[in-house]
Amino acid sequence: MIIRKTTIQDFEDVCRIYADARDFMRESGNPTQWGDTDPVHDLILSDIHAGKSYVCVCDDEIVAVFYFCVEREPTYDKIDGGWLDSGSYGVVHRIASSRRVKGAGAFCLVWCLGQCRDLRIDTHRANAPMRGLLNKLGFTYCGIIWLDDGSERLAFQKINE
């Protein structure tokens, strides 16, 4: 598997992966995190144009997609709990896999950890598969953050020493 920046030519494949992820979330008891439309096409395109969208490719097929950037995430400024440190960090959002290749999500997160020593991510309370993956990869639960719309998310962090 390899990770590369998403191109506009990948848009349809990426949209299919997100649609499959929404189906998987519903099937696994998490129908509200992304609902029927998130992430919306405009956000996907914005991520691509900003150079912050990445795909995981296996045998010439896109098997996962995610947002990654080393940047301050404003919704992480206020946390009911506490981050492990206050330094620079990478952020992962909108990670999804096609379910065609086992371990693609873990591969993406490990790649992100290779780009920065400190990685933060959040997920919906009902997203048991993501919480399980984060636990398996050694992320620490840090507390609750709130999105701009007031929705709560569970926040996690991993620091490579």
Foldseek 3Di string as FASTA:
>chain_A
DDKDQDAPVCLVVQVVQLQLQCVVCVVLQRNPFQHRAPPHSVVVVVQRVVRQKMFDDDPNHTFKIKGKDFDDDVQVPDFPFDDPDDDTEMEIPDIGGNPPDPPPSVVVVVVRCVVDQKYKYWAAPSPVVVVVSCVVVPWDFGGWTADPVGDIITMTMGGHD
